[in-house]
């Protein structure tokens, strides 16, 4: 399994509930995303139509992926606090958004 997934267009992402108590050695989940997306700049929120800067790394699933194994995995997507603050909400991502695996065994604890 790759550490990142890049959409070739807009992807449906669903916000996960109850993940705010999880942490990783990257300092924050947005830091985790930056590290494995290989960027030092803070991106804009991944939600289509949102121009706010990302404030958090949101835990999401990608429920409509054709590959069933990808539907079950947790990813990190940069989001503003407004979009991340809506539990279980589904959003369309901006085209070519990068999603980073939330699986610490594959990423920061590897």
C-alpha atoms as a PDB file:
ATOM      1  CA  UNK A   1       0.000   0.000   0.000  1.00  0.00           C
ATOM      2  CA  UNK A   2       1.316   3.416  -0.946  1.00  0.00           C
ATOM      3  CA  UNK A   3       1.692   6.140   1.668  1.00  0.00           C
ATOM      4  CA  UNK A   4      -0.171   8.606  -0.560  1.00  0.00           C
ATOM      5  CA  UNK A   5      -3.067   8.599  -2.989  1.00  0.00           C
ATOM      6  CA  UNK A   6      -3.595  11.329  -5.571  1.00  0.00           C
ATOM      7  CA  UNK A   7      -7.004  11.699  -7.119  1.00  0.00           C
ATOM      8  CA  UNK A   8      -7.238  12.098 -10.876  1.00  0.00           C
ATOM      9  CA  UNK A   9     -10.365  14.170 -10.384  1.00  0.00           C
ATOM     10  CA  UNK A  10     -12.772  14.967  -7.591  1.00  0.00           C
ATOM     11  CA  UNK A  11     -13.094  12.245  -4.927  1.00  0.00           C
ATOM     12  CA  UNK A  12     -15.846  11.851  -2.340  1.00  0.00           C
ATOM     13  CA  UNK A  13     -14.363  11.965   1.157  1.00  0.00           C
ATOM     14  CA  UNK A  14     -16.228  11.358   4.388  1.00  0.00           C
ATOM     15  CA  UNK A  15     -15.142  12.921   7.668  1.00  0.00           C
ATOM     16  CA  UNK A  16     -14.558  10.401  10.471  1.00  0.00           C
ATOM     17  CA  UNK A  17     -15.891  10.923  13.998  1.00  0.00           C
ATOM     18  CA  UNK A  18     -13.920  10.423  17.199  1.00  0.00           C
ATOM     19  CA  UNK A  19     -10.390  10.812  15.871  1.00  0.00           C
ATOM     20  CA  UNK A  20      -9.365  14.019  17.665  1.00  0.00           C
ATOM     21  CA  UNK A  21      -7.721  12.041  20.484  1.00  0.00           C
ATOM     22  CA  UNK A  22      -5.386  10.223  18.083  1.00  0.00           C
ATOM     23  CA  UNK A  23      -1.904  11.624  17.628  1.00  0.00           C
ATOM     24  CA  UNK A  24       1.310  10.818  15.830  1.00  0.00           C
ATOM     25  CA  UNK A  25       4.990  11.614  16.144  1.00  0.00           C
ATOM     26  CA  UNK A  26       4.761  14.228  13.365  1.00  0.00           C
ATOM     27  CA  UNK A  27       3.455  16.803  15.868  1.00  0.00           C
ATOM     28  CA  UNK A  28       0.046  17.153  14.231  1.00  0.00           C
ATOM     29  CA  UNK A  29      -1.959  15.390  11.555  1.00  0.00           C
ATOM     30  CA  UNK A  30      -1.482  18.391   9.262  1.00  0.00           C
ATOM     31  CA  UNK A  31       2.270  18.031   9.878  1.00  0.00           C
ATOM     32  CA  UNK A  32       1.908  14.320   9.073  1.00  0.00           C
ATOM     33  CA  UNK A  33       0.202  15.197   5.777  1.00  0.00           C
ATOM     34  CA  UNK A  34       2.901  17.751   4.857  1.00  0.00           C
ATOM     35  CA  UNK A  35       5.703  15.292   5.621  1.00  0.00           C
ATOM     36  CA  UNK A  36       4.352  12.484   3.467  1.00  0.00           C
ATOM     37  CA  UNK A  37       2.918  14.743   0.742  1.00  0.00           C
ATOM     38  CA  UNK A  38       6.465  16.133   0.605  1.00  0.00           C
ATOM     39  CA  UNK A  39       5.605  19.809   1.000  1.00  0.00           C
ATOM     40  CA  UNK A  40       6.466  22.467   3.548  1.00  0.00           C
ATOM     41  CA  UNK A  41       3.680  24.854   2.592  1.00  0.00           C
ATOM     42  CA  UNK A  42       0.265  24.822   4.205  1.00  0.00           C
ATOM     43  CA  UNK A  43      -2.282  23.908   1.535  1.00  0.00           C
ATOM     44  CA  UNK A  44      -5.785  25.160   1.103  1.00  0.00           C
ATOM     45  CA  UNK A  45      -8.653  23.051   2.424  1.00  0.00           C
ATOM     46  CA  UNK A  46      -9.183  19.985   0.190  1.00  0.00           C
ATOM     47  CA  UNK A  47     -12.963  20.587   0.043  1.00  0.00           C
ATOM     48  CA  UNK A  48     -14.064  21.618  -3.422  1.00  0.00           C
ATOM     49  CA  UNK A  49     -15.013  25.306  -3.512  1.00  0.00           C
ATOM     50  CA  UNK A  50     -13.281  26.192  -0.204  1.00  0.00           C
ATOM     51  CA  UNK A  51     -10.491  28.760  -0.426  1.00  0.00           C
ATOM     52  CA  UNK A  52      -9.588  28.748   3.289  1.00  0.00           C
ATOM     53  CA  UNK A  53      -6.151  27.557   4.351  1.00  0.00           C
ATOM     54  CA  UNK A  54      -6.075  24.125   5.958  1.00  0.00           C
ATOM     55  CA  UNK A  55      -5.860  24.289   9.746  1.00  0.00           C
ATOM     56  CA  UNK A  56      -5.969  20.559  10.514  1.00  0.00           C
ATOM     57  CA  UNK A  57      -5.278  17.186   9.011  1.00  0.00           C
ATOM     58  CA  UNK A  58      -8.710  15.577   8.913  1.00  0.00           C
ATOM     59  CA  UNK A  59      -9.220  11.815   9.166  1.00  0.00           C
ATOM     60  CA  UNK A  60     -11.332  10.745   6.205  1.00  0.00           C
ATOM     61  CA  UNK A  61     -12.410   7.659   4.322  1.00  0.00           C
ATOM     62  CA  UNK A  62     -13.029   7.515   0.575  1.00  0.00           C
ATOM     63  CA  UNK A  63     -16.338   5.610   0.406  1.00  0.00           C
ATOM     64  CA  UNK A  64     -16.872   5.659  -3.362  1.00  0.00           C
ATOM     65  CA  UNK A  65     -13.501   4.328  -4.528  1.00  0.00           C
ATOM     66  CA  UNK A  66     -13.756   1.537  -7.111  1.00  0.00           C
ATOM     67  CA  UNK A  67     -11.040  -0.425  -5.312  1.00  0.00           C
ATOM     68  CA  UNK A  68     -12.903  -1.841  -2.309  1.00  0.00           C
ATOM     69  CA  UNK A  69      -9.717  -2.161  -0.246  1.00  0.00           C
ATOM     70  CA  UNK A  70      -9.193   1.629  -0.489  1.00  0.00           C
ATOM     71  CA  UNK A  71     -12.712   2.288   0.851  1.00  0.00           C
ATOM     72  CA  UNK A  72     -11.758   0.774   4.204  1.00  0.00           C
ATOM     73  CA  UNK A  73      -8.576   2.790   4.765  1.00  0.00           C
ATOM     74  CA  UNK A  74      -8.231   5.992   6.774  1.00  0.00           C
ATOM     75  CA  UNK A  75      -6.512   8.920   5.112  1.00  0.00           C
ATOM     76  CA  UNK A  76      -5.470  12.407   6.154  1.00  0.00           C
ATOM     77  CA  UNK A  77      -6.760  15.347   4.125  1.00  0.00           C
ATOM     78  CA  UNK A  78      -5.989  18.997   4.880  1.00  0.00           C
ATOM     79  CA  UNK A  79      -9.132  20.866   5.919  1.00  0.00           C
ATOM     80  CA  UNK A  80     -10.223  24.121   7.468  1.00  0.00           C
ATOM     81  CA  UNK A  81     -11.772  23.799  10.923  1.00  0.00           C
ATOM     82  CA  UNK A  82     -15.230  24.612   9.555  1.00  0.00           C
ATOM     83  CA  UNK A  83     -15.300  21.585   7.234  1.00  0.00           C
ATOM     84  CA  UNK A  84     -13.537  19.311   9.717  1.00  0.00           C
ATOM     85  CA  UNK A  85     -16.051  20.329  12.403  1.00  0.00           C
ATOM     86  CA  UNK A  86     -18.931  18.610  10.617  1.00  0.00           C
ATOM     87  CA  UNK A  87     -18.866  14.958  11.761  1.00  0.00           C
ATOM     88  CA  UNK A  88     -19.733  12.308   9.162  1.00  0.00           C
ATOM     89  CA  UNK A  89     -20.133  14.941   6.432  1.00  0.00           C
ATOM     90  CA  UNK A  90     -19.304  13.941   2.877  1.00  0.00           C
ATOM     91  CA  UNK A  91     -17.475  16.380   0.630  1.00  0.00           C
ATOM     92  CA  UNK A  92     -16.064  16.379  -2.876  1.00  0.00           C
ATOM     93  CA  UNK A  93     -12.331  16.991  -2.983  1.00  0.00           C
ATOM     94  CA  UNK A  94     -10.614  19.432  -5.266  1.00  0.00           C
ATOM     95  CA  UNK A  95      -9.213  17.758  -8.395  1.00  0.00           C
ATOM     96  CA  UNK A  96      -5.781  16.188  -7.935  1.00  0.00           C
ATOM     97  CA  UNK A  97      -5.957  16.301  -4.122  1.00  0.00           C
ATOM     98  CA  UNK A  98      -3.331  14.280  -2.278  1.00  0.00           C
ATOM     99  CA  UNK A  99      -4.466  11.975   0.536  1.00  0.00           C
ATOM    100  CA  UNK A 100      -1.899  10.568   2.978  1.00  0.00           C
ATOM    101  CA  UNK A 101      -2.335   7.270   4.789  1.00  0.00           C
ATOM    102  CA  UNK A 102      -3.264   7.656   8.469  1.00  0.00           C
ATOM    103  CA  UNK A 103      -1.710   4.248   9.143  1.00  0.00           C
ATOM    104  CA  UNK A 104       1.250   5.158  11.362  1.00  0.00           C
ATOM    105  CA  UNK A 105       2.834   1.712  10.820  1.00  0.00           C
ATOM    106  CA  UNK A 106       3.190   2.601   7.110  1.00  0.00           C
ATOM    107  CA  UNK A 107       4.264   6.186   7.648  1.00  0.00           C
ATOM    108  CA  UNK A 108       5.739   7.870  10.723  1.00  0.00           C
ATOM    109  CA  UNK A 109       6.349   4.699  12.745  1.00  0.00           C
ATOM    110  CA  UNK A 110       7.817   2.697   9.843  1.00  0.00           C
END
